[in-house]
Amino acid sequence: MDSIAATMRIAGSALQAQGLRMRVVSENIANAKSAGSAPGADPFRRKTVSFESKLDRAVGAELVKVKRVGQDASDFISIHDPSHPAANSDGYVKMPNVNSLIEMTDLREASRSYEASLNIIEQARSIAASTLALLNTN
């Protein structure tokens, strides 16, 4: 496989990985206030994304892959709201372990990585088009 195609394949793998990361972060943000449905029930648990590099022998390069989508094991947040349907006998409700500031930071980082990968693909296409134009003029 030529180097331009390999570059596009590498950047494409990063696009897929960061796209999934943005989806998971968006899900975390959407569920940041999702308490349990019954007294003492666990609420939504924050999801995390782990990456790994895998050798693609056809490309001869390391591609980024999602290793797994896991769950954050940190403690839930407890708020005092005796009127809430999910409140325990002491009036506390378990809320998700989602910190919106962290999620927005993760979303921004994933978005920038996604954009960088798109720029790499655009540059590789431009180089390929320039090369073809040069070959056709001779």
Foldseek 3Di string as FASTA:
>chain_A
DDPLVLLLVQLVLLLVLLVVLLVLLVVLVVQQFAFDQAAPDHGDFRKDWDWDWDQDVVSRDTHIHTPDIGTDPDAFDWDAALVDRHHYPRRITTGYPRDNVVSVVSNVVSVVSNVVSVVSNVVSVVVVVVVVVVVVVD
